């Protein structure tokens, strides 16, 4: 339930400043291109002050994963400056005031739109916590399930992507998942 409020908040926030208006234009252009190419739009919000945001950016642009993402998505990478990151998402103050929710609503945050601009998936799990960068095995599994539902990737490609996330999360032990 909260994730829909959060998405509404993201849309409202996206219209509030010039930089964010530029982001809205970028997203609209991506939707147009996605329609032309029969793909979805993967919008990834990250910040320069967050290590998990950095890992997500590295992972999505890695030689292993970038072609996989590009196969099914038009990716819009939105980098929020460090000085604006703390106040960028204000989910908790609008929804419930719960401090735990505020901690879970940060960066990276991503969502997937269809090629008409409708929300398909969001980086919130069933407990309305932002998984952002999938750093645990369960989060990677949840992330791959989202990718499975919204992409054209084969099972072998999904396995390659999952292994890439597992390897970056646990470089000392490769998984055979």
Foldseek 3Di string as FASTA:
>chain_A
DLVVVQVVQLVVLLPPDPLSVVLVVVVLVQLQVCVVVVAKAKEKEAEPVDPLSVVVVCLCPPPLNVVVCVQHYDYHYHYDYPVCQLPSGPSLVPPPVDPVLSVQPHPGWIFMAGSVGHTDGTQADPVRGRCHRVQDLVSLVVVLVSCVVRGPDDPVSSQSSSQSNVCVNPVPDGDPD
